[in-house]
Amino acid sequence: LKPASRSAGQNRQQRTAGIVAGRRGLEDHRIAWGTPVTPGALPRTKGRNTLPMKGEFLILIVDDSRMNRMVLSRSLAMEGYELLEAESADAALKILDYRKPELILLDVVMPEMTGFDLCRLLKQQKATQEIPIIFITSLDSTEDKIKGLELGAVDFITKPFNTAEILARVRTQVALRQMYLTILETNLRIQKDLSTARRIQQHLLPSSNEGVGKDVSFEYVYLPC
């Protein structure tokens, strides 16, 4: 007996399902490899991992040049980062009162307060001293670069800047930030586990010398793991 042939409608449904599955697979592949997507399009990981993903990685751009801010914002938005802009150091400080970015791209030559002064101020405050700062400036002397790095900046890029170079350096800082947060989260978990183990060990120690002769005494020394 010959097997019953499928109807034309069943064949069309199968082809349609295959096309949809193929498209979904391509979309997952693009997201996994970092193709530009909107911040909200990136998948969130499940479980205890709280590391910022690209769409959750907030970058603050501080530059008095509207053109520079626009070029940087456009390029970084194409990479899927969340962005904030400030046209001056004072505007940046107001933003930092209610938002804490994972990275600051900071111009040096600005009116009223320079980027060097703002960096020094941020590194003196506990709430902002851990935020990595990349200077993007027209100053290109060795002395200026050394000064910026000594103030606590993690990188120094001279203008006119190359967009591809900035994106590469930002990706490096994203990776370093994620590793830092991973280490921090691991250390906190270890400290919590050690504290629990310490309490358990202390409860195992005898609380009194009941049942022991009066001429016998014990001394206990607790040595944590």
N, C-alpha and C. Protein backbone atom coordinates (compact mmCIF):
# COMPACT_ATOMS: atom_id res chain seq x y z
N LEU A 1 0.84 -1.20 0.00
CA LEU A 1 0.00 0.00 0.00
C LEU A 1 0.87 1.24 0.00
N LYS A 2 0.51 2.25 -0.76
CA LYS A 2 1.26 3.51 -0.78
C LYS A 2 0.79 4.40 0.37
N PRO A 3 1.75 5.13 1.01
CA PRO A 3 1.32 6.03 2.10
C PRO A 3 0.45 7.14 1.57
N ALA A 4 -0.50 7.58 2.39
CA ALA A 4 -1.40 8.64 1.97
C ALA A 4 -0.62 9.93 1.78
N SER A 5 -0.86 10.62 0.69
CA SER A 5 -0.16 11.88 0.41
C SER A 5 -0.75 12.99 1.25
N ARG A 6 0.12 13.96 1.61
CA ARG A 6 -0.35 15.09 2.41
C ARG A 6 -1.11 16.07 1.52
N SER A 7 -2.06 16.74 2.14
CA SER A 7 -2.82 17.73 1.38
C SER A 7 -1.99 18.97 1.16
N ALA A 8 -2.38 19.78 0.19
CA ALA A 8 -1.66 21.03 -0.10
C ALA A 8 -1.71 21.97 1.08
N GLY A 9 -2.80 21.98 1.83
CA GLY A 9 -2.91 22.87 2.99
C GLY A 9 -1.94 22.49 4.08
N GLN A 10 -1.74 21.15 4.31
CA GLN A 10 -0.78 20.71 5.32
C GLN A 10 0.63 21.08 4.93
N ASN A 11 0.95 20.96 3.63
CA ASN A 11 2.29 21.33 3.16
C ASN A 11 2.56 22.81 3.37
N ARG A 12 1.56 23.64 3.07
CA ARG A 12 1.73 25.09 3.26
C ARG A 12 1.95 25.42 4.73
N GLN A 13 1.18 24.78 5.64
CA GLN A 13 1.35 25.03 7.07
C GLN A 13 2.74 24.63 7.55
N GLN A 14 3.26 23.51 7.03
CA GLN A 14 4.59 23.06 7.44
C GLN A 14 5.66 24.03 6.97
N ARG A 15 5.53 24.50 5.70
CA ARG A 15 6.52 25.45 5.17
C ARG A 15 6.48 26.76 5.95
N THR A 16 5.26 27.22 6.28
CA THR A 16 5.12 28.48 7.04
C THR A 16 5.76 28.35 8.43
N ALA A 17 5.53 27.21 9.10
CA ALA A 17 6.12 27.00 10.43
C ALA A 17 7.63 26.97 10.35
N GLY A 18 8.16 26.35 9.30
CA GLY A 18 9.61 26.30 9.14
C GLY A 18 10.21 27.66 8.92
N ILE A 19 9.52 28.52 8.13
CA ILE A 19 10.02 29.88 7.88
C ILE A 19 10.03 30.69 9.16
N VAL A 20 8.93 30.60 9.95
CA VAL A 20 8.84 31.35 11.21
C VAL A 20 9.93 30.90 12.17
N ALA A 21 10.14 29.57 12.29
CA ALA A 21 11.18 29.07 13.18
C ALA A 21 12.55 29.52 12.72
N GLY A 22 12.77 29.52 11.40
CA GLY A 22 14.06 29.98 10.88
C GLY A 22 14.31 31.43 11.19
N ARG A 23 13.27 32.27 11.05
CA ARG A 23 13.43 33.69 11.36
C ARG A 23 13.73 33.90 12.83
N ARG A 24 13.01 33.14 13.69
CA ARG A 24 13.28 33.28 15.13
C ARG A 24 14.70 32.88 15.46
N GLY A 25 15.19 31.83 14.82
CA GLY A 25 16.56 31.40 15.05
C GLY A 25 17.56 32.45 14.63
N LEU A 26 17.31 33.12 13.48
CA LEU A 26 18.20 34.18 13.03
C LEU A 26 18.19 35.35 13.99
N GLU A 27 16.98 35.71 14.50
CA GLU A 27 16.89 36.83 15.44
C GLU A 27 17.65 36.52 16.71
N ASP A 28 17.52 35.28 17.23
CA ASP A 28 18.27 34.89 18.43
C ASP A 28 19.76 34.94 18.17
N HIS A 29 20.17 34.55 16.97
CA HIS A 29 21.60 34.56 16.63
C HIS A 29 22.13 35.99 16.59
N ARG A 30 21.34 36.91 16.02
CA ARG A 30 21.79 38.30 15.95
C ARG A 30 21.94 38.89 17.34
N ILE A 31 20.95 38.67 18.21
CA ILE A 31 21.02 39.21 19.56
C ILE A 31 22.21 38.64 20.31
N ALA A 32 22.44 37.33 20.14
CA ALA A 32 23.52 36.69 20.88
C ALA A 32 24.88 37.25 20.47
N TRP A 33 25.00 37.67 19.21
CA TRP A 33 26.29 38.16 18.75
C TRP A 33 26.38 39.68 18.75
N GLY A 34 25.43 40.39 19.34
CA GLY A 34 25.58 41.82 19.57
C GLY A 34 25.21 42.70 18.40
N THR A 35 24.39 42.21 17.45
CA THR A 35 23.93 43.08 16.38
C THR A 35 23.11 44.20 16.99
N PRO A 36 23.25 45.46 16.47
CA PRO A 36 22.54 46.60 17.06
C PRO A 36 21.05 46.33 17.23
N VAL A 37 20.57 46.50 18.44
CA VAL A 37 19.16 46.35 18.75
C VAL A 37 18.79 47.45 19.72
N THR A 38 17.51 47.63 19.89
CA THR A 38 17.05 48.64 20.85
C THR A 38 17.28 48.13 22.25
N PRO A 39 17.44 49.04 23.24
CA PRO A 39 17.75 48.61 24.60
C PRO A 39 16.77 47.60 25.16
N GLY A 40 15.50 47.74 24.87
CA GLY A 40 14.51 46.84 25.43
C GLY A 40 14.45 45.49 24.76
N ALA A 41 15.14 45.31 23.60
CA ALA A 41 15.05 44.07 22.85
C ALA A 41 15.97 42.99 23.36
N LEU A 42 16.92 43.33 24.20
CA LEU A 42 17.87 42.33 24.68
C LEU A 42 17.22 41.44 25.71
N PRO A 43 17.45 40.13 25.63
CA PRO A 43 16.84 39.21 26.61
C PRO A 43 17.46 39.37 27.97
N ARG A 44 16.68 39.14 29.01
CA ARG A 44 17.17 39.21 30.38
C ARG A 44 17.49 37.81 30.87
N THR A 45 18.57 37.68 31.61
CA THR A 45 18.93 36.38 32.16
C THR A 45 18.09 36.11 33.39
N LYS A 46 17.85 34.83 33.65
CA LYS A 46 17.07 34.43 34.81
C LYS A 46 17.98 34.01 35.93
N GLY A 47 17.43 33.94 37.11
CA GLY A 47 18.21 33.48 38.25
C GLY A 47 18.77 34.63 39.06
N ARG A 48 19.92 34.38 39.73
CA ARG A 48 20.47 35.34 40.68
C ARG A 48 21.39 36.35 40.00
N ASN A 49 21.71 36.15 38.72
CA ASN A 49 22.63 37.03 38.04
C ASN A 49 22.02 38.42 37.89
N THR A 50 22.68 39.43 38.41
CA THR A 50 22.17 40.80 38.35
C THR A 50 23.10 41.70 37.55
N LEU A 51 23.99 41.13 36.75
CA LEU A 51 24.92 41.94 35.98
C LEU A 51 24.18 42.71 34.90
N PRO A 52 24.58 43.97 34.65
CA PRO A 52 23.90 44.76 33.63
C PRO A 52 24.20 44.22 32.24
N MET A 53 23.16 44.06 31.44
CA MET A 53 23.34 43.72 30.05
C MET A 53 23.46 45.01 29.25
N LYS A 54 23.66 44.88 27.93
CA LYS A 54 23.91 46.07 27.14
C LYS A 54 22.81 47.10 27.27
N GLY A 55 21.56 46.65 27.14
CA GLY A 55 20.45 47.58 27.22
C GLY A 55 20.29 48.19 28.60
N GLU A 56 20.91 47.58 29.62
CA GLU A 56 20.84 48.10 30.98
C GLU A 56 22.11 48.82 31.39
N PHE A 57 23.09 48.89 30.49
CA PHE A 57 24.37 49.52 30.78
C PHE A 57 24.24 51.01 30.47
N LEU A 58 24.20 51.83 31.52
CA LEU A 58 23.94 53.25 31.38
C LEU A 58 25.24 54.03 31.23
N ILE A 59 25.32 54.84 30.19
CA ILE A 59 26.51 55.66 29.92
C ILE A 59 26.11 57.13 29.96
N LEU A 60 26.87 57.92 30.70
CA LEU A 60 26.66 59.37 30.78
C LEU A 60 27.71 60.07 29.92
N ILE A 61 27.25 60.87 28.95
CA ILE A 61 28.13 61.64 28.08
C ILE A 61 28.13 63.09 28.55
N VAL A 62 29.31 63.59 28.91
CA VAL A 62 29.42 64.97 29.41
C VAL A 62 30.33 65.73 28.44
N ASP A 63 29.74 66.64 27.67
CA ASP A 63 30.49 67.42 26.68
C ASP A 63 29.71 68.68 26.38
N ASP A 64 30.40 69.82 26.33
CA ASP A 64 29.71 71.07 26.04
C ASP A 64 29.41 71.24 24.55
N SER A 65 29.93 70.36 23.71
CA SER A 65 29.67 70.40 22.28
C SER A 65 28.47 69.53 21.95
N ARG A 66 27.42 70.15 21.44
CA ARG A 66 26.22 69.40 21.08
C ARG A 66 26.52 68.40 19.96
N MET A 67 27.38 68.79 19.03
CA MET A 67 27.72 67.90 17.92
C MET A 67 28.43 66.64 18.42
N ASN A 68 29.38 66.80 19.34
CA ASN A 68 30.08 65.63 19.89
C ASN A 68 29.12 64.71 20.63
N ARG A 69 28.22 65.30 21.40
CA ARG A 69 27.25 64.49 22.13
C ARG A 69 26.35 63.72 21.16
N MET A 70 25.96 64.37 20.08
CA MET A 70 25.07 63.74 19.11
C MET A 70 25.77 62.57 18.41
N VAL A 71 27.03 62.77 18.02
CA VAL A 71 27.77 61.71 17.34
C VAL A 71 27.97 60.51 18.27
N LEU A 72 28.38 60.78 19.51
CA LEU A 72 28.59 59.70 20.47
C LEU A 72 27.29 58.98 20.80
N SER A 73 26.24 59.74 21.02
CA SER A 73 24.95 59.14 21.36
C SER A 73 24.43 58.26 20.24
N ARG A 74 24.56 58.72 19.03
CA ARG A 74 24.07 57.95 17.89
C ARG A 74 24.82 56.62 17.77
N SER A 75 26.15 56.69 17.89
CA SER A 75 26.96 55.48 17.75
C SER A 75 26.69 54.48 18.87
N LEU A 76 26.63 54.98 20.10
CA LEU A 76 26.41 54.10 21.26
C LEU A 76 24.99 53.55 21.28
N ALA A 77 24.01 54.35 20.83
CA ALA A 77 22.63 53.86 20.77
C ALA A 77 22.50 52.71 19.78
N MET A 78 23.26 52.77 18.70
CA MET A 78 23.26 51.68 17.72
C MET A 78 23.80 50.38 18.32
N GLU A 79 24.62 50.51 19.37
CA GLU A 79 25.16 49.34 20.06
C GLU A 79 24.21 48.82 21.14
N GLY A 80 23.15 49.57 21.42
CA GLY A 80 22.16 49.11 22.37
C GLY A 80 22.33 49.61 23.79
N TYR A 81 23.21 50.61 24.02
CA TYR A 81 23.42 51.12 25.37
C TYR A 81 22.35 52.15 25.73
N GLU A 82 22.08 52.27 27.02
CA GLU A 82 21.21 53.34 27.52
C GLU A 82 22.07 54.57 27.77
N LEU A 83 21.57 55.74 27.38
CA LEU A 83 22.41 56.94 27.38
C LEU A 83 21.76 58.11 28.11
N LEU A 84 22.62 58.93 28.74
CA LEU A 84 22.24 60.21 29.30
C LEU A 84 23.26 61.24 28.82
N GLU A 85 22.82 62.49 28.65
CA GLU A 85 23.71 63.53 28.17
C GLU A 85 23.70 64.72 29.13
N ALA A 86 24.87 65.37 29.25
CA ALA A 86 24.99 66.57 30.06
C ALA A 86 25.91 67.54 29.31
N GLU A 87 25.52 68.81 29.26
CA GLU A 87 26.30 69.80 28.50
C GLU A 87 27.34 70.50 29.37
N SER A 88 27.37 70.19 30.65
CA SER A 88 28.33 70.83 31.55
C SER A 88 28.55 69.94 32.77
N ALA A 89 29.57 70.26 33.54
CA ALA A 89 29.85 69.51 34.76
C ALA A 89 28.71 69.66 35.77
N ASP A 90 28.15 70.86 35.85
CA ASP A 90 27.05 71.11 36.78
C ASP A 90 25.83 70.27 36.41
N ALA A 91 25.53 70.19 35.11
CA ALA A 91 24.41 69.37 34.66
C ALA A 91 24.67 67.90 34.96
N ALA A 92 25.92 67.47 34.83
CA ALA A 92 26.26 66.08 35.12
C ALA A 92 26.05 65.77 36.60
N LEU A 93 26.44 66.69 37.47
CA LEU A 93 26.27 66.48 38.91
C LEU A 93 24.79 66.36 39.28
N LYS A 94 23.95 67.13 38.62
CA LYS A 94 22.50 67.05 38.88
C LYS A 94 21.96 65.68 38.45
N ILE A 95 22.44 65.18 37.32
CA ILE A 95 22.01 63.86 36.86
C ILE A 95 22.46 62.78 37.84
N LEU A 96 23.70 62.91 38.33
CA LEU A 96 24.27 61.90 39.23
C LEU A 96 23.58 61.88 40.58
N ASP A 97 22.79 62.89 40.88
CA ASP A 97 22.03 62.88 42.13
C ASP A 97 20.94 61.81 42.12
N TYR A 98 20.44 61.45 40.93
CA TYR A 98 19.36 60.48 40.88
C TYR A 98 19.63 59.30 39.96
N ARG A 99 20.69 59.34 39.18
CA ARG A 99 21.06 58.19 38.33
C ARG A 99 22.55 57.91 38.49
N LYS A 100 22.90 56.66 38.52
CA LYS A 100 24.30 56.25 38.65
C LYS A 100 24.69 55.44 37.41
N PRO A 101 25.39 56.05 36.47
CA PRO A 101 25.77 55.33 35.26
C PRO A 101 26.87 54.31 35.53
N GLU A 102 27.01 53.35 34.62
CA GLU A 102 28.10 52.38 34.72
C GLU A 102 29.39 52.92 34.10
N LEU A 103 29.28 54.00 33.31
CA LEU A 103 30.44 54.57 32.63
C LEU A 103 30.17 56.03 32.32
N ILE A 104 31.22 56.87 32.42
CA ILE A 104 31.11 58.30 32.07
C ILE A 104 32.13 58.62 30.98
N LEU A 105 31.64 59.20 29.88
CA LEU A 105 32.52 59.73 28.83
C LEU A 105 32.59 61.23 29.07
N LEU A 106 33.78 61.73 29.40
CA LEU A 106 33.92 63.08 29.94
C LEU A 106 34.88 63.93 29.12
N ASP A 107 34.38 65.07 28.68
CA ASP A 107 35.23 66.07 28.03
C ASP A 107 36.04 66.80 29.10
N VAL A 108 37.19 67.32 28.72
CA VAL A 108 38.04 68.02 29.69
C VAL A 108 37.81 69.53 29.63
N VAL A 109 37.88 70.10 28.44
CA VAL A 109 37.79 71.55 28.29
C VAL A 109 36.32 71.95 28.24
N MET A 110 35.82 72.41 29.38
CA MET A 110 34.44 72.87 29.48
C MET A 110 34.42 74.15 30.31
N PRO A 111 33.42 75.01 30.11
CA PRO A 111 33.33 76.24 30.90
C PRO A 111 32.98 75.96 32.36
N GLU A 112 33.33 76.88 33.23
CA GLU A 112 33.04 76.84 34.67
C GLU A 112 33.85 75.74 35.37
N MET A 113 33.54 74.49 35.15
CA MET A 113 34.28 73.39 35.77
C MET A 113 34.82 72.47 34.69
N THR A 114 36.13 72.22 34.71
CA THR A 114 36.74 71.36 33.71
C THR A 114 36.45 69.90 34.01
N GLY A 115 36.72 69.06 33.02
CA GLY A 115 36.54 67.63 33.22
C GLY A 115 37.48 67.08 34.28
N PHE A 116 38.69 67.64 34.36
CA PHE A 116 39.63 67.21 35.40
C PHE A 116 39.06 67.50 36.79
N ASP A 117 38.48 68.68 36.96
CA ASP A 117 37.91 69.05 38.27
C ASP A 117 36.71 68.16 38.61
N LEU A 118 35.89 67.87 37.60
CA LEU A 118 34.73 67.02 37.85
C LEU A 118 35.18 65.61 38.22
N CYS A 119 36.17 65.10 37.53
CA CYS A 119 36.69 63.76 37.83
C CYS A 119 37.23 63.72 39.26
N ARG A 120 38.00 64.73 39.66
CA ARG A 120 38.54 64.78 41.01
C ARG A 120 37.42 64.77 42.04
N LEU A 121 36.35 65.54 41.78
CA LEU A 121 35.23 65.61 42.70
C LEU A 121 34.51 64.28 42.80
N LEU A 122 34.29 63.60 41.67
CA LEU A 122 33.57 62.33 41.68
C LEU A 122 34.37 61.25 42.39
N LYS A 123 35.69 61.28 42.26
CA LYS A 123 36.52 60.27 42.91
C LYS A 123 36.64 60.50 44.41
N GLN A 124 36.26 61.67 44.88
CA GLN A 124 36.28 61.96 46.31
C GLN A 124 34.98 61.58 47.00
N GLN A 125 33.93 61.32 46.22
CA GLN A 125 32.63 60.99 46.78
C GLN A 125 32.40 59.48 46.73
N LYS A 126 31.97 58.93 47.84
CA LYS A 126 31.80 57.48 47.94
C LYS A 126 30.77 56.96 46.94
N ALA A 127 29.74 57.74 46.68
CA ALA A 127 28.65 57.29 45.81
C ALA A 127 29.07 57.19 44.35
N THR A 128 30.11 57.92 43.95
CA THR A 128 30.50 57.97 42.54
C THR A 128 31.94 57.55 42.27
N GLN A 129 32.71 57.26 43.31
CA GLN A 129 34.13 57.01 43.11
C GLN A 129 34.43 55.72 42.34
N GLU A 130 33.47 54.80 42.29
CA GLU A 130 33.69 53.53 41.59
C GLU A 130 33.27 53.59 40.12
N ILE A 131 32.67 54.70 39.69
CA ILE A 131 32.23 54.80 38.29
C ILE A 131 33.43 55.05 37.39
N PRO A 132 33.70 54.18 36.40
CA PRO A 132 34.83 54.40 35.50
C PRO A 132 34.60 55.61 34.60
N ILE A 133 35.68 56.35 34.34
CA ILE A 133 35.61 57.57 33.53
C ILE A 133 36.59 57.47 32.38
N ILE A 134 36.12 57.78 31.18
CA ILE A 134 36.98 57.88 30.00
C ILE A 134 37.00 59.34 29.56
N PHE A 135 38.18 59.93 29.52
CA PHE A 135 38.30 61.30 29.03
C PHE A 135 38.32 61.29 27.50
N ILE A 136 37.53 62.19 26.91
CA ILE A 136 37.54 62.40 25.46
C ILE A 136 37.78 63.89 25.24
N THR A 137 38.98 64.25 24.79
CA THR A 137 39.37 65.65 24.77
C THR A 137 40.35 65.96 23.65
N SER A 138 40.46 67.24 23.33
CA SER A 138 41.42 67.69 22.33
C SER A 138 42.83 67.80 22.91
N LEU A 139 42.96 67.75 24.22
CA LEU A 139 44.27 67.79 24.85
C LEU A 139 45.00 66.47 24.57
N ASP A 140 46.20 66.60 24.01
CA ASP A 140 46.90 65.37 23.62
C ASP A 140 48.33 65.29 24.15
N SER A 141 48.69 66.18 25.06
CA SER A 141 50.05 66.14 25.60
C SER A 141 50.19 64.98 26.59
N THR A 142 51.41 64.51 26.75
CA THR A 142 51.66 63.42 27.69
C THR A 142 51.30 63.83 29.11
N GLU A 143 51.58 65.10 29.44
CA GLU A 143 51.28 65.59 30.80
C GLU A 143 49.78 65.53 31.08
N ASP A 144 48.97 65.92 30.09
CA ASP A 144 47.52 65.89 30.29
C ASP A 144 47.02 64.46 30.44
N LYS A 145 47.57 63.55 29.66
CA LYS A 145 47.16 62.14 29.77
C LYS A 145 47.52 61.57 31.14
N ILE A 146 48.73 61.88 31.59
CA ILE A 146 49.15 61.39 32.91
C ILE A 146 48.27 61.98 34.00
N LYS A 147 47.96 63.26 33.88
CA LYS A 147 47.12 63.92 34.88
C LYS A 147 45.75 63.27 34.94
N GLY A 148 45.16 63.02 33.78
CA GLY A 148 43.84 62.40 33.76
C GLY A 148 43.83 61.01 34.37
N LEU A 149 44.85 60.22 34.07
CA LEU A 149 44.92 58.87 34.62
C LEU A 149 45.21 58.89 36.12
N GLU A 150 46.02 59.84 36.56
CA GLU A 150 46.30 59.95 37.99
C GLU A 150 45.08 60.39 38.78
N LEU A 151 44.18 61.12 38.14
CA LEU A 151 42.95 61.54 38.81
C LEU A 151 41.96 60.39 38.96
N GLY A 152 42.22 59.29 38.26
CA GLY A 152 41.35 58.12 38.42
C GLY A 152 40.64 57.67 37.17
N ALA A 153 40.89 58.33 36.02
CA ALA A 153 40.26 57.91 34.78
C ALA A 153 40.84 56.56 34.34
N VAL A 154 40.03 55.80 33.61
CA VAL A 154 40.48 54.48 33.15
C VAL A 154 41.02 54.53 31.73
N ASP A 155 40.74 55.63 31.01
CA ASP A 155 41.21 55.73 29.63
C ASP A 155 41.22 57.19 29.21
N PHE A 156 41.92 57.46 28.10
CA PHE A 156 42.09 58.84 27.64
C PHE A 156 42.08 58.80 26.11
N ILE A 157 41.07 59.41 25.49
CA ILE A 157 40.93 59.42 24.04
C ILE A 157 41.01 60.87 23.56
N THR A 158 41.83 61.09 22.53
CA THR A 158 42.02 62.44 22.01
C THR A 158 41.10 62.71 20.82
N LYS A 159 40.68 63.97 20.71
CA LYS A 159 39.89 64.43 19.56
C LYS A 159 40.83 64.92 18.46
N PRO A 160 40.38 64.84 17.19
CA PRO A 160 39.11 64.24 16.73
C PRO A 160 39.14 62.73 16.92
N PHE A 161 38.07 62.22 17.51
CA PHE A 161 38.05 60.81 17.85
C PHE A 161 37.51 59.96 16.71
N ASN A 162 37.90 58.70 16.75
CA ASN A 162 37.41 57.70 15.80
C ASN A 162 36.30 56.91 16.48
N THR A 163 35.13 56.89 15.87
CA THR A 163 33.97 56.24 16.49
C THR A 163 34.23 54.77 16.78
N ALA A 164 34.86 54.08 15.83
CA ALA A 164 35.14 52.66 16.02
C ALA A 164 36.06 52.44 17.22
N GLU A 165 37.02 53.34 17.42
CA GLU A 165 37.94 53.22 18.56
C GLU A 165 37.18 53.41 19.87
N ILE A 166 36.30 54.41 19.91
CA ILE A 166 35.54 54.65 21.13
C ILE A 166 34.65 53.45 21.46
N LEU A 167 33.99 52.89 20.46
CA LEU A 167 33.13 51.73 20.69
C LEU A 167 33.94 50.56 21.23
N ALA A 168 35.14 50.36 20.68
CA ALA A 168 35.99 49.27 21.16
C ALA A 168 36.41 49.48 22.60
N ARG A 169 36.75 50.72 22.95
CA ARG A 169 37.17 51.01 24.33
C ARG A 169 36.00 50.92 25.30
N VAL A 170 34.82 51.31 24.84
CA VAL A 170 33.63 51.19 25.68
C VAL A 170 33.32 49.72 25.93
N ARG A 171 33.43 48.88 24.89
CA ARG A 171 33.19 47.45 25.07
C ARG A 171 34.16 46.86 26.10
N THR A 172 35.40 47.32 26.06
CA THR A 172 36.38 46.85 27.03
C THR A 172 35.95 47.20 28.45
N GLN A 173 35.50 48.44 28.65
CA GLN A 173 35.06 48.86 29.97
C GLN A 173 33.79 48.13 30.41
N VAL A 174 32.92 47.81 29.46
CA VAL A 174 31.72 47.04 29.78
C VAL A 174 32.12 45.67 30.32
N ALA A 175 33.07 45.02 29.63
CA ALA A 175 33.54 43.70 30.06
C ALA A 175 34.20 43.77 31.43
N LEU A 176 35.03 44.79 31.64
CA LEU A 176 35.71 44.94 32.93
C LEU A 176 34.70 45.22 34.05
N ARG A 177 33.71 46.04 33.75
CA ARG A 177 32.69 46.36 34.75
C ARG A 177 31.90 45.11 35.15
N GLN A 178 31.57 44.29 34.16
CA GLN A 178 30.84 43.07 34.44
C GLN A 178 31.68 42.10 35.26
N MET A 179 32.97 42.02 34.95
CA MET A 179 33.85 41.16 35.75
C MET A 179 33.96 41.68 37.17
N TYR A 180 34.04 43.00 37.33
CA TYR A 180 34.12 43.60 38.67
C TYR A 180 32.86 43.27 39.47
N LEU A 181 31.71 43.41 38.85
CA LEU A 181 30.45 43.12 39.54
C LEU A 181 30.33 41.64 39.87
N THR A 182 30.85 40.78 38.99
CA THR A 182 30.84 39.35 39.26
C THR A 182 31.68 39.03 40.49
N ILE A 183 32.88 39.62 40.55
CA ILE A 183 33.75 39.41 41.71
C ILE A 183 33.10 39.95 42.98
N LEU A 184 32.51 41.14 42.88
CA LEU A 184 31.86 41.74 44.04
C LEU A 184 30.73 40.86 44.54
N GLU A 185 29.90 40.37 43.62
CA GLU A 185 28.78 39.51 44.00
C GLU A 185 29.27 38.21 44.62
N THR A 186 30.35 37.65 44.06
CA THR A 186 30.91 36.41 44.59
C THR A 186 31.46 36.62 46.00
N ASN A 187 32.18 37.73 46.20
CA ASN A 187 32.73 38.02 47.53
C ASN A 187 31.64 38.20 48.57
N LEU A 188 30.57 38.87 48.21
CA LEU A 188 29.46 39.06 49.14
C LEU A 188 28.83 37.72 49.51
N ARG A 189 28.70 36.84 48.52
CA ARG A 189 28.13 35.53 48.79
C ARG A 189 29.05 34.71 49.68
N ILE A 190 30.36 34.80 49.45
CA ILE A 190 31.32 34.07 50.28
C ILE A 190 31.28 34.58 51.71
N GLN A 191 31.23 35.91 51.88
CA GLN A 191 31.15 36.48 53.22
C GLN A 191 29.90 36.03 53.95
N LYS A 192 28.80 35.95 53.23
CA LYS A 192 27.55 35.49 53.85
C LYS A 192 27.66 34.04 54.25
N ASP A 193 28.25 33.20 53.38
CA ASP A 193 28.40 31.78 53.70
C ASP A 193 29.35 31.57 54.89
N LEU A 194 30.44 32.36 54.94
CA LEU A 194 31.37 32.24 56.06
C LEU A 194 30.72 32.67 57.37
N SER A 195 29.90 33.71 57.31
CA SER A 195 29.21 34.16 58.52
C SER A 195 28.26 33.08 59.03
N THR A 196 27.57 32.41 58.11
CA THR A 196 26.67 31.33 58.51
C THR A 196 27.46 30.17 59.11
N ALA A 197 28.57 29.80 58.49
CA ALA A 197 29.39 28.71 59.00
C ALA A 197 29.98 29.05 60.36
N ARG A 198 30.34 30.32 60.58
CA ARG A 198 30.90 30.74 61.85
C ARG A 198 29.88 30.58 62.97
N ARG A 199 28.63 30.97 62.69
CA ARG A 199 27.59 30.84 63.70
C ARG A 199 27.32 29.37 64.04
N ILE A 200 27.35 28.51 63.01
CA ILE A 200 27.11 27.09 63.24
C ILE A 200 28.23 26.50 64.11
N GLN A 201 29.48 26.85 63.78
CA GLN A 201 30.60 26.33 64.55
C GLN A 201 30.57 26.81 65.99
N GLN A 202 30.21 28.06 66.21
CA GLN A 202 30.15 28.59 67.57
C GLN A 202 29.07 27.90 68.40
N HIS A 203 27.96 27.53 67.75
CA HIS A 203 26.90 26.82 68.47
C HIS A 203 27.32 25.40 68.83
N LEU A 204 28.31 24.84 68.14
CA LEU A 204 28.78 23.49 68.45
C LEU A 204 29.68 23.47 69.68
N LEU A 205 30.21 24.60 70.08
CA LEU A 205 31.07 24.65 71.26
C LEU A 205 30.24 24.48 72.53
N PRO A 206 30.74 23.78 73.53
CA PRO A 206 29.98 23.61 74.78
C PRO A 206 29.82 24.95 75.49
N SER A 207 28.65 25.14 76.05
CA SER A 207 28.36 26.41 76.72
C SER A 207 28.73 26.42 78.19
N SER A 208 28.97 25.25 78.80
CA SER A 208 29.32 25.20 80.23
C SER A 208 30.13 23.94 80.51
N ASN A 209 30.64 23.82 81.75
CA ASN A 209 31.44 22.67 82.17
C ASN A 209 30.64 21.73 83.07
N GLU A 210 29.35 21.66 82.87
CA GLU A 210 28.51 20.82 83.72
C GLU A 210 28.93 19.35 83.58
N GLY A 211 28.98 18.64 84.67
CA GLY A 211 29.34 17.23 84.64
C GLY A 211 30.83 16.98 84.69
N VAL A 212 31.62 18.05 84.76
CA VAL A 212 33.07 17.92 84.80
C VAL A 212 33.55 18.27 86.21
N GLY A 213 34.57 17.57 86.69
CA GLY A 213 35.07 17.82 88.03
C GLY A 213 35.50 19.27 88.23
N LYS A 214 35.45 19.67 89.52
CA LYS A 214 35.78 21.06 89.83
C LYS A 214 37.24 21.39 89.57
N ASP A 215 38.10 20.38 89.65
CA ASP A 215 39.52 20.63 89.45
C ASP A 215 39.93 20.64 87.97
N VAL A 216 38.96 20.44 87.11
CA VAL A 216 39.25 20.40 85.66
C VAL A 216 38.66 21.64 85.00
N SER A 217 39.43 22.26 84.17
CA SER A 217 38.94 23.44 83.45
C SER A 217 39.30 23.31 81.97
N PHE A 218 38.52 23.96 81.13
CA PHE A 218 38.74 23.90 79.68
C PHE A 218 38.85 25.32 79.14
N GLU A 219 39.65 25.45 78.13
CA GLU A 219 39.74 26.72 77.41
C GLU A 219 39.44 26.46 75.94
N TYR A 220 38.64 27.30 75.34
CA TYR A 220 38.25 27.12 73.94
C TYR A 220 38.81 28.28 73.13
N VAL A 221 39.35 27.94 72.02
CA VAL A 221 39.85 28.95 71.07
C VAL A 221 39.14 28.74 69.76
N TYR A 222 38.49 29.77 69.30
CA TYR A 222 37.75 29.68 68.03
C TYR A 222 38.65 30.16 66.89
N LEU A 223 38.89 29.28 65.93
CA LEU A 223 39.68 29.64 64.75
C LEU A 223 38.77 29.56 63.54
N PRO A 224 38.37 30.70 62.97
CA PRO A 224 37.46 30.67 61.81
C PRO A 224 38.12 30.03 60.61
N CYS A 225 37.32 29.52 59.70
CA CYS A 225 37.81 28.85 58.51
C CYS A 225 38.56 29.87 57.61
